Amino acid sequence: MKKALVLIALLLPTVLLASVTETVIPSTSDAYLVVARDAMEDGDFDAALLLYEEAVERDPHSQAALAGRLVAFAESRSLESTIEVAGLN
């Protein structure tokens, strides 16, 4: 019984991590688009840019992914220049 509890205690973090990883990491271009749009809405343009780039890599003909990548790139650079002008870097 004690060995079983130790085994469960050792395996539980792995099982929990696997379930989180499965829900957090998208597997299709459309899934990346959804997560990227959420990042854009949250103002996390750098994350959105990476997510859009992954969506483009999975589907190079996706107009939504290409357009989203362009907007995320522009917003990311705009934010960087705003920070530089404000002297916050």
PDB file of N, CA and C in Angstrom:
ATOM      1  N   MET A   1       0.828  -1.197   0.000  1.00  0.00           N
ATOM      2  CA  MET A   1       0.000   0.000   0.000  1.00  0.00           C
ATOM      3  C   MET A   1       0.872   1.261   0.000  1.00  0.00           C
ATOM      4  N   LYS A   2       1.934   1.253   0.803  1.00  0.00           N
ATOM      5  CA  LYS A   2       2.813   2.408   0.876  1.00  0.00           C
ATOM      6  C   LYS A   2       3.506   2.666  -0.461  1.00  0.00           C
ATOM      7  N   LYS A   3       3.922   1.577  -1.146  1.00  0.00           N
ATOM      8  CA  LYS A   3       4.564   1.713  -2.451  1.00  0.00           C
ATOM      9  C   LYS A   3       3.601   2.311  -3.478  1.00  0.00           C
ATOM     10  N   ALA A   4       2.330   1.927  -3.394  1.00  0.00           N
ATOM     11  CA  ALA A   4       1.332   2.450  -4.330  1.00  0.00           C
ATOM     12  C   ALA A   4       1.139   3.945  -4.125  1.00  0.00           C
ATOM     13  N   LEU A   5       1.117   4.400  -2.881  1.00  0.00           N
ATOM     14  CA  LEU A   5       0.958   5.830  -2.599  1.00  0.00           C
ATOM     15  C   LEU A   5       2.157   6.630  -3.095  1.00  0.00           C
ATOM     16  N   VAL A   6       3.338   6.070  -2.898  1.00  0.00           N
ATOM     17  CA  VAL A   6       4.555   6.732  -3.374  1.00  0.00           C
ATOM     18  C   VAL A   6       4.528   6.816  -4.899  1.00  0.00           C
ATOM     19  N   LEU A   7       4.122   5.743  -5.552  1.00  0.00           N
ATOM     20  CA  LEU A   7       4.044   5.729  -7.010  1.00  0.00           C
ATOM     21  C   LEU A   7       3.040   6.752  -7.518  1.00  0.00           C
ATOM     22  N   ILE A   8       1.900   6.829  -6.877  1.00  0.00           N
ATOM     23  CA  ILE A   8       0.879   7.812  -7.266  1.00  0.00           C
ATOM     24  C   ILE A   8       1.411   9.226  -7.065  1.00  0.00           C
ATOM     25  N   ALA A   9       2.077   9.451  -5.932  1.00  0.00           N
ATOM     26  CA  ALA A   9       2.623  10.778  -5.648  1.00  0.00           C
ATOM     27  C   ALA A   9       3.669  11.179  -6.683  1.00  0.00           C
ATOM     28  N   LEU A  10       4.440  10.211  -7.168  1.00  0.00           N
ATOM     29  CA  LEU A  10       5.464  10.509  -8.166  1.00  0.00           C
ATOM     30  C   LEU A  10       4.872  10.735  -9.551  1.00  0.00           C
ATOM     31  N   LEU A  11       3.813  10.023  -9.887  1.00  0.00           N
ATOM     32  CA  LEU A  11       3.231  10.114 -11.222  1.00  0.00           C
ATOM     33  C   LEU A  11       2.209  11.230 -11.368  1.00  0.00           C
ATOM     34  N   LEU A  12       1.609  11.676 -10.299  1.00  0.00           N
ATOM     35  CA  LEU A  12       0.539  12.671 -10.369  1.00  0.00           C
ATOM     36  C   LEU A  12       0.967  13.964 -11.075  1.00  0.00           C
ATOM     37  N   PRO A  13       2.121  14.556 -10.737  1.00  0.00           N
ATOM     38  CA  PRO A  13       2.515  15.776 -11.467  1.00  0.00           C
ATOM     39  C   PRO A  13       2.652  15.557 -12.967  1.00  0.00           C
ATOM     40  N   THR A  14       3.139  14.403 -13.379  1.00  0.00           N
ATOM     41  CA  THR A  14       3.290  14.105 -14.800  1.00  0.00           C
ATOM     42  C   THR A  14       1.937  14.020 -15.489  1.00  0.00           C
ATOM     43  N   VAL A  15       0.989  13.369 -14.835  1.00  0.00           N
ATOM     44  CA  VAL A  15      -0.356  13.245 -15.397  1.00  0.00           C
ATOM     45  C   VAL A  15      -1.022  14.611 -15.490  1.00  0.00           C
ATOM     46  N   LEU A  16      -0.889  15.410 -14.439  1.00  0.00           N
ATOM     47  CA  LEU A  16      -1.485  16.749 -14.452  1.00  0.00           C
ATOM     48  C   LEU A  16      -0.853  17.623 -15.520  1.00  0.00           C
ATOM     49  N   LEU A  17       0.453  17.579 -15.657  1.00  0.00           N
ATOM     50  CA  LEU A  17       1.147  18.369 -16.674  1.00  0.00           C
ATOM     51  C   LEU A  17       0.716  17.952 -18.072  1.00  0.00           C
ATOM     52  N   ALA A  18       0.575  16.669 -18.296  1.00  0.00           N
ATOM     53  CA  ALA A  18       0.148  16.179 -19.606  1.00  0.00           C
ATOM     54  C   ALA A  18      -1.238  16.693 -19.952  1.00  0.00           C
ATOM     55  N   SER A  19      -2.142  16.734 -18.986  1.00  0.00           N
ATOM     56  CA  SER A  19      -3.495  17.211 -19.271  1.00  0.00           C
ATOM     57  C   SER A  19      -3.501  18.710 -19.536  1.00  0.00           C
ATOM     58  N   VAL A  20      -2.676  19.463 -18.835  1.00  0.00           N
ATOM     59  CA  VAL A  20      -2.593  20.907 -19.078  1.00  0.00           C
ATOM     60  C   VAL A  20      -1.957  21.178 -20.425  1.00  0.00           C
ATOM     61  N   THR A  21      -0.879  20.493 -20.735  1.00  0.00           N
ATOM     62  CA  THR A  21      -0.186  20.683 -22.003  1.00  0.00           C
ATOM     63  C   THR A  21      -1.107  20.394 -23.168  1.00  0.00           C
ATOM     64  N   GLU A  22      -1.906  19.384 -23.030  1.00  0.00           N
ATOM     65  CA  GLU A  22      -2.808  18.998 -24.111  1.00  0.00           C
ATOM     66  C   GLU A  22      -3.850  20.077 -24.383  1.00  0.00           C
ATOM     67  N   THR A  23      -4.286  20.787 -23.356  1.00  0.00           N
ATOM     68  CA  THR A  23      -5.312  21.804 -23.555  1.00  0.00           C
ATOM     69  C   THR A  23      -4.718  23.163 -23.896  1.00  0.00           C
ATOM     70  N   VAL A  24      -3.469  23.406 -23.552  1.00  0.00           N
ATOM     71  CA  VAL A  24      -2.866  24.716 -23.771  1.00  0.00           C
ATOM     72  C   VAL A  24      -2.214  24.818 -25.148  1.00  0.00           C
ATOM     73  N   ILE A  25      -1.600  23.763 -25.627  1.00  0.00           N
ATOM     74  CA  ILE A  25      -0.886  23.805 -26.894  1.00  0.00           C
ATOM     75  C   ILE A  25      -1.835  23.411 -28.025  1.00  0.00           C
ATOM     76  N   PRO A  26      -2.168  24.339 -28.895  1.00  0.00           N
ATOM     77  CA  PRO A  26      -3.064  24.016 -30.008  1.00  0.00           C
ATOM     78  C   PRO A  26      -2.410  23.056 -30.995  1.00  0.00           C
ATOM     79  N   SER A  27      -3.236  22.359 -31.766  1.00  0.00           N
ATOM     80  CA  SER A  27      -2.674  21.395 -32.700  1.00  0.00           C
ATOM     81  C   SER A  27      -2.978  21.723 -34.159  1.00  0.00           C
ATOM     82  N   THR A  28      -3.912  22.632 -34.407  1.00  0.00           N
ATOM     83  CA  THR A  28      -4.253  22.987 -35.783  1.00  0.00           C
ATOM     84  C   THR A  28      -4.077  24.481 -35.993  1.00  0.00           C
ATOM     85  N   SER A  29      -4.056  24.878 -37.245  1.00  0.00           N
ATOM     86  CA  SER A  29      -3.937  26.293 -37.575  1.00  0.00           C
ATOM     87  C   SER A  29      -5.092  27.093 -36.970  1.00  0.00           C
ATOM     88  N   ASP A  30      -6.298  26.545 -37.068  1.00  0.00           N
ATOM     89  CA  ASP A  30      -7.463  27.244 -36.521  1.00  0.00           C
ATOM     90  C   ASP A  30      -7.361  27.418 -35.011  1.00  0.00           C
ATOM     91  N   ALA A  31      -6.832  26.422 -34.336  1.00  0.00           N
ATOM     92  CA  ALA A  31      -6.671  26.520 -32.888  1.00  0.00           C
ATOM     93  C   ALA A  31      -5.662  27.615 -32.540  1.00  0.00           C
ATOM     94  N   TYR A  32      -4.586  27.700 -33.306  1.00  0.00           N
ATOM     95  CA  TYR A  32      -3.605  28.765 -33.079  1.00  0.00           C
ATOM     96  C   TYR A  32      -4.237  30.139 -33.316  1.00  0.00           C
ATOM     97  N   LEU A  33      -5.107  30.234 -34.310  1.00  0.00           N
ATOM     98  CA  LEU A  33      -5.776  31.506 -34.583  1.00  0.00           C
ATOM     99  C   LEU A  33      -6.629  31.945 -33.405  1.00  0.00           C
ATOM    100  N   VAL A  34      -7.339  31.019 -32.805  1.00  0.00           N
ATOM    101  CA  VAL A  34      -8.191  31.347 -31.658  1.00  0.00           C
ATOM    102  C   VAL A  34      -7.351  31.861 -30.497  1.00  0.00           C
ATOM    103  N   VAL A  35      -6.267  31.147 -30.188  1.00  0.00           N
ATOM    104  CA  VAL A  35      -5.407  31.551 -29.077  1.00  0.00           C
ATOM    105  C   VAL A  35      -4.704  32.874 -29.401  1.00  0.00           C
ATOM    106  N   ALA A  36      -4.310  33.068 -30.647  1.00  0.00           N
ATOM    107  CA  ALA A  36      -3.655  34.311 -31.059  1.00  0.00           C
ATOM    108  C   ALA A  36      -4.611  35.496 -30.916  1.00  0.00           C
ATOM    109  N   ARG A  37      -5.875  35.313 -31.310  1.00  0.00           N
ATOM    110  CA  ARG A  37      -6.859  36.400 -31.157  1.00  0.00           C
ATOM    111  C   ARG A  37      -7.042  36.760 -29.687  1.00  0.00           C
ATOM    112  N   ASP A  38      -7.055  35.750 -28.825  1.00  0.00           N
ATOM    113  CA  ASP A  38      -7.167  36.016 -27.391  1.00  0.00           C
ATOM    114  C   ASP A  38      -5.971  36.825 -26.896  1.00  0.00           C
ATOM    115  N   ALA A  39      -4.786  36.472 -27.364  1.00  0.00           N
ATOM    116  CA  ALA A  39      -3.575  37.207 -26.975  1.00  0.00           C
ATOM    117  C   ALA A  39      -3.648  38.654 -27.466  1.00  0.00           C
ATOM    118  N   MET A  40      -4.158  38.856 -28.677  1.00  0.00           N
ATOM    119  CA  MET A  40      -4.316  40.221 -29.203  1.00  0.00           C
ATOM    120  C   MET A  40      -5.276  41.022 -28.326  1.00  0.00           C
ATOM    121  N   GLU A  41      -6.401  40.406 -27.960  1.00  0.00           N
ATOM    122  CA  GLU A  41      -7.373  41.095 -27.121  1.00  0.00           C
ATOM    123  C   GLU A  41      -6.796  41.455 -25.753  1.00  0.00           C
ATOM    124  N   ASP A  42      -5.871  40.619 -25.263  1.00  0.00           N
ATOM    125  CA  ASP A  42      -5.222  40.875 -23.977  1.00  0.00           C
ATOM    126  C   ASP A  42      -4.065  41.872 -24.101  1.00  0.00           C
ATOM    127  N   GLY A  43      -3.741  42.270 -25.340  1.00  0.00           N
ATOM    128  CA  GLY A  43      -2.647  43.210 -25.556  1.00  0.00           C
ATOM    129  C   GLY A  43      -1.274  42.566 -25.549  1.00  0.00           C
ATOM    130  N   ASP A  44      -1.226  41.255 -25.601  1.00  0.00           N
ATOM    131  CA  ASP A  44       0.052  40.535 -25.630  1.00  0.00           C
ATOM    132  C   ASP A  44       0.436  40.288 -27.088  1.00  0.00           C
ATOM    133  N   PHE A  45       0.934  41.339 -27.730  1.00  0.00           N
ATOM    134  CA  PHE A  45       1.185  41.304 -29.161  1.00  0.00           C
ATOM    135  C   PHE A  45       2.355  40.398 -29.541  1.00  0.00           C
ATOM    136  N   ASP A  46       3.358  40.316 -28.677  1.00  0.00           N
ATOM    137  CA  ASP A  46       4.489  39.435 -28.972  1.00  0.00           C
ATOM    138  C   ASP A  46       4.049  37.970 -28.981  1.00  0.00           C
ATOM    139  N   ALA A  47       3.242  37.583 -28.006  1.00  0.00           N
ATOM    140  CA  ALA A  47       2.725  36.210 -27.974  1.00  0.00           C
ATOM    141  C   ALA A  47       1.821  35.955 -29.174  1.00  0.00           C
ATOM    142  N   ALA A  48       0.979  36.935 -29.494  1.00  0.00           N
ATOM    143  CA  ALA A  48       0.085  36.793 -30.643  1.00  0.00           C
ATOM    144  C   ALA A  48       0.885  36.614 -31.924  1.00  0.00           C
ATOM    145  N   LEU A  49       1.960  37.365 -32.069  1.00  0.00           N
ATOM    146  CA  LEU A  49       2.801  37.254 -33.254  1.00  0.00           C
ATOM    147  C   LEU A  49       3.365  35.836 -33.390  1.00  0.00           C
ATOM    148  N   LEU A  50       3.868  35.289 -32.309  1.00  0.00           N
ATOM    149  CA  LEU A  50       4.403  33.923 -32.342  1.00  0.00           C
ATOM    150  C   LEU A  50       3.311  32.911 -32.683  1.00  0.00           C
ATOM    151  N   LEU A  51       2.120  33.108 -32.136  1.00  0.00           N
ATOM    152  CA  LEU A  51       1.013  32.191 -32.405  1.00  0.00           C
ATOM    153  C   LEU A  51       0.555  32.295 -33.859  1.00  0.00           C
ATOM    154  N   TYR A  52       0.477  33.518 -34.379  1.00  0.00           N
ATOM    155  CA  TYR A  52       0.115  33.682 -35.791  1.00  0.00           C
ATOM    156  C   TYR A  52       1.173  33.072 -36.702  1.00  0.00           C
ATOM    157  N   GLU A  53       2.443  33.224 -36.336  1.00  0.00           N
ATOM    158  CA  GLU A  53       3.508  32.621 -37.142  1.00  0.00           C
ATOM    159  C   GLU A  53       3.371  31.101 -37.173  1.00  0.00           C
ATOM    160  N   GLU A  54       3.019  30.523 -36.053  1.00  0.00           N
ATOM    161  CA  GLU A  54       2.819  29.067 -36.019  1.00  0.00           C
ATOM    162  C   GLU A  54       1.614  28.678 -36.865  1.00  0.00           C
ATOM    163  N   ALA A  55       0.560  29.483 -36.830  1.00  0.00           N
ATOM    164  CA  ALA A  55      -0.621  29.204 -37.653  1.00  0.00           C
ATOM    165  C   ALA A  55      -0.255  29.260 -39.135  1.00  0.00           C
ATOM    166  N   VAL A  56       0.564  30.242 -39.520  1.00  0.00           N
ATOM    167  CA  VAL A  56       1.006  30.358 -40.915  1.00  0.00           C
ATOM    168  C   VAL A  56       1.865  29.156 -41.302  1.00  0.00           C
ATOM    169  N   GLU A  57       2.707  28.729 -40.389  1.00  0.00           N
ATOM    170  CA  GLU A  57       3.551  27.569 -40.680  1.00  0.00           C
ATOM    171  C   GLU A  57       2.695  26.318 -40.920  1.00  0.00           C
ATOM    172  N   ARG A  58       1.616  26.187 -40.173  1.00  0.00           N
ATOM    173  CA  ARG A  58       0.745  25.021 -40.335  1.00  0.00           C
ATOM    174  C   ARG A  58      -0.153  25.141 -41.563  1.00  0.00           C
ATOM    175  N   ASP A  59      -0.520  26.390 -41.918  1.00  0.00           N
ATOM    176  CA  ASP A  59      -1.357  26.607 -43.106  1.00  0.00           C
ATOM    177  C   ASP A  59      -0.897  27.881 -43.799  1.00  0.00           C
ATOM    178  N   PRO A  60       0.087  27.780 -44.700  1.00  0.00           N
ATOM    179  CA  PRO A  60       0.667  28.955 -45.352  1.00  0.00           C
ATOM    180  C   PRO A  60      -0.309  29.746 -46.213  1.00  0.00           C
ATOM    181  N   HIS A  61      -1.470  29.189 -46.526  1.00  0.00           N
ATOM    182  CA  HIS A  61      -2.449  29.873 -47.369  1.00  0.00           C
ATOM    183  C   HIS A  61      -3.589  30.509 -46.571  1.00  0.00           C
ATOM    184  N   SER A  62      -3.495  30.447 -45.246  1.00  0.00           N
ATOM    185  CA  SER A  62      -4.549  31.006 -44.403  1.00  0.00           C
ATOM    186  C   SER A  62      -4.474  32.531 -44.404  1.00  0.00           C
ATOM    187  N   GLN A  63      -5.479  33.151 -44.995  1.00  0.00           N
ATOM    188  CA  GLN A  63      -5.503  34.617 -45.036  1.00  0.00           C
ATOM    189  C   GLN A  63      -5.651  35.200 -43.638  1.00  0.00           C
ATOM    190  N   ALA A  64      -6.409  34.522 -42.779  1.00  0.00           N
ATOM    191  CA  ALA A  64      -6.584  35.008 -41.406  1.00  0.00           C
ATOM    192  C   ALA A  64      -5.259  34.980 -40.646  1.00  0.00           C
ATOM    193  N   ALA A  65      -4.485  33.922 -40.837  1.00  0.00           N
ATOM    194  CA  ALA A  65      -3.195  33.825 -40.160  1.00  0.00           C
ATOM    195  C   ALA A  65      -2.207  34.858 -40.688  1.00  0.00           C
ATOM    196  N   LEU A  66      -2.183  35.042 -42.002  1.00  0.00           N
ATOM    197  CA  LEU A  66      -1.276  36.030 -42.595  1.00  0.00           C
ATOM    198  C   LEU A  66      -1.632  37.448 -42.162  1.00  0.00           C
ATOM    199  N   ALA A  67      -2.920  37.778 -42.190  1.00  0.00           N
ATOM    200  CA  ALA A  67      -3.361  39.114 -41.782  1.00  0.00           C
ATOM    201  C   ALA A  67      -3.117  39.328 -40.297  1.00  0.00           C
ATOM    202  N   GLY A  68      -3.423  38.323 -39.500  1.00  0.00           N
ATOM    203  CA  GLY A  68      -3.210  38.434 -38.056  1.00  0.00           C
ATOM    204  C   GLY A  68      -1.750  38.631 -37.715  1.00  0.00           C
ATOM    205  N   ARG A  69      -0.882  37.914 -38.428  1.00  0.00           N
ATOM    206  CA  ARG A  69       0.556  38.068 -38.199  1.00  0.00           C
ATOM    207  C   ARG A  69       1.000  39.497 -38.505  1.00  0.00           C
ATOM    208  N   LEU A  70       0.484  40.052 -39.579  1.00  0.00           N
ATOM    209  CA  LEU A  70       0.840  41.415 -39.959  1.00  0.00           C
ATOM    210  C   LEU A  70       0.383  42.421 -38.900  1.00  0.00           C
ATOM    211  N   VAL A  71      -0.843  42.280 -38.440  1.00  0.00           N
ATOM    212  CA  VAL A  71      -1.382  43.198 -37.425  1.00  0.00           C
ATOM    213  C   VAL A  71      -0.615  43.045 -36.107  1.00  0.00           C
ATOM    214  N   ALA A  72      -0.359  41.810 -35.694  1.00  0.00           N
ATOM    215  CA  ALA A  72       0.380  41.580 -34.450  1.00  0.00           C
ATOM    216  C   ALA A  72       1.783  42.169 -34.537  1.00  0.00           C
ATOM    217  N   PHE A  73       2.420  42.021 -35.697  1.00  0.00           N
ATOM    218  CA  PHE A  73       3.752  42.593 -35.890  1.00  0.00           C
ATOM    219  C   PHE A  73       3.709  44.109 -35.762  1.00  0.00           C
ATOM    220  N   ALA A  74       2.745  44.728 -36.429  1.00  0.00           N
ATOM    221  CA  ALA A  74       2.622  46.188 -36.385  1.00  0.00           C
ATOM    222  C   ALA A  74       2.339  46.670 -34.964  1.00  0.00           C
ATOM    223  N   GLU A  75       1.443  46.003 -34.278  1.00  0.00           N
ATOM    224  CA  GLU A  75       1.107  46.395 -32.902  1.00  0.00           C
ATOM    225  C   GLU A  75       2.303  46.200 -31.980  1.00  0.00           C
ATOM    226  N   SER A  76       3.032  45.125 -32.168  1.00  0.00           N
ATOM    227  CA  SER A  76       4.203  44.851 -31.344  1.00  0.00           C
ATOM    228  C   SER A  76       5.250  45.943 -31.517  1.00  0.00           C
ATOM    229  N   ARG A  77       5.501  46.342 -32.761  1.00  0.00           N
ATOM    230  CA  ARG A  77       6.488  47.391 -33.033  1.00  0.00           C
ATOM    231  C   ARG A  77       5.995  48.748 -32.544  1.00  0.00           C
ATOM    232  N   SER A  78       4.707  48.995 -32.662  1.00  0.00           N
ATOM    233  CA  SER A  78       4.124  50.245 -32.185  1.00  0.00           C
ATOM    234  C   SER A  78       4.291  50.369 -30.676  1.00  0.00           C
ATOM    235  N   LEU A  79       4.059  49.280 -29.963  1.00  0.00           N
ATOM    236  CA  LEU A  79       4.209  49.274 -28.518  1.00  0.00           C
ATOM    237  C   LEU A  79       5.658  49.510 -28.125  1.00  0.00           C
ATOM    238  N   GLU A  80       6.583  48.884 -28.849  1.00  0.00           N
ATOM    239  CA  GLU A  80       8.005  49.074 -28.562  1.00  0.00           C
ATOM    240  C   GLU A  80       8.422  50.525 -28.749  1.00  0.00           C
ATOM    241  N   SER A  81       7.967  51.154 -29.829  1.00  0.00           N
ATOM    242  CA  SER A  81       8.359  52.544 -30.072  1.00  0.00           C
ATOM    243  C   SER A  81       7.713  53.470 -29.047  1.00  0.00           C
ATOM    244  N   THR A  82       6.517  53.167 -28.601  1.00  0.00           N
ATOM    245  CA  THR A  82       5.858  53.960 -27.568  1.00  0.00           C
ATOM    246  C   THR A  82       6.630  53.890 -26.269  1.00  0.00           C
ATOM    247  N   ILE A  83       7.110  52.698 -25.927  1.00  0.00           N
ATOM    248  CA  ILE A  83       7.890  52.529 -24.703  1.00  0.00           C
ATOM    249  C   ILE A  83       9.202  53.299 -24.812  1.00  0.00           C
ATOM    250  N   GLU A  84       9.846  53.266 -25.969  1.00  0.00           N
ATOM    251  CA  GLU A  84      11.094  53.974 -26.165  1.00  0.00           C
ATOM    252  C   GLU A  84      10.898  55.479 -26.045  1.00  0.00           C
ATOM    253  N   VAL A  85       9.847  56.003 -26.659  1.00  0.00           N
ATOM    254  CA  VAL A  85       9.571  57.433 -26.612  1.00  0.00           C
ATOM    255  C   VAL A  85       9.274  57.872 -25.179  1.00  0.00           C
ATOM    256  N   ALA A  86       8.579  57.029 -24.430  1.00  0.00           N
ATOM    257  CA  ALA A  86       8.239  57.363 -23.053  1.00  0.00           C
ATOM    258  C   ALA A  86       9.411  57.171 -22.113  1.00  0.00           C
ATOM    259  N   GLY A  87      10.474  56.541 -22.591  1.00  0.00           N
ATOM    260  CA  GLY A  87      11.653  56.317 -21.763  1.00  0.00           C
ATOM    261  C   GLY A  87      11.442  55.242 -20.720  1.00  0.00           C
ATOM    262  N   LEU A  88      10.582  54.286 -21.007  1.00  0.00           N
ATOM    263  CA  LEU A  88      10.265  53.236 -20.032  1.00  0.00           C
ATOM    264  C   LEU A  88      11.104  51.982 -20.213  1.00  0.00           C
ATOM    265  N   ASN A  89      11.999  51.964 -21.196  1.00  0.00           N
ATOM    266  CA  ASN A  89      12.764  50.736 -21.437  1.00  0.00           C
ATOM    267  C   ASN A  89      13.958  50.607 -20.562  1.00  0.00           C
TER     268      ASN A  89
END
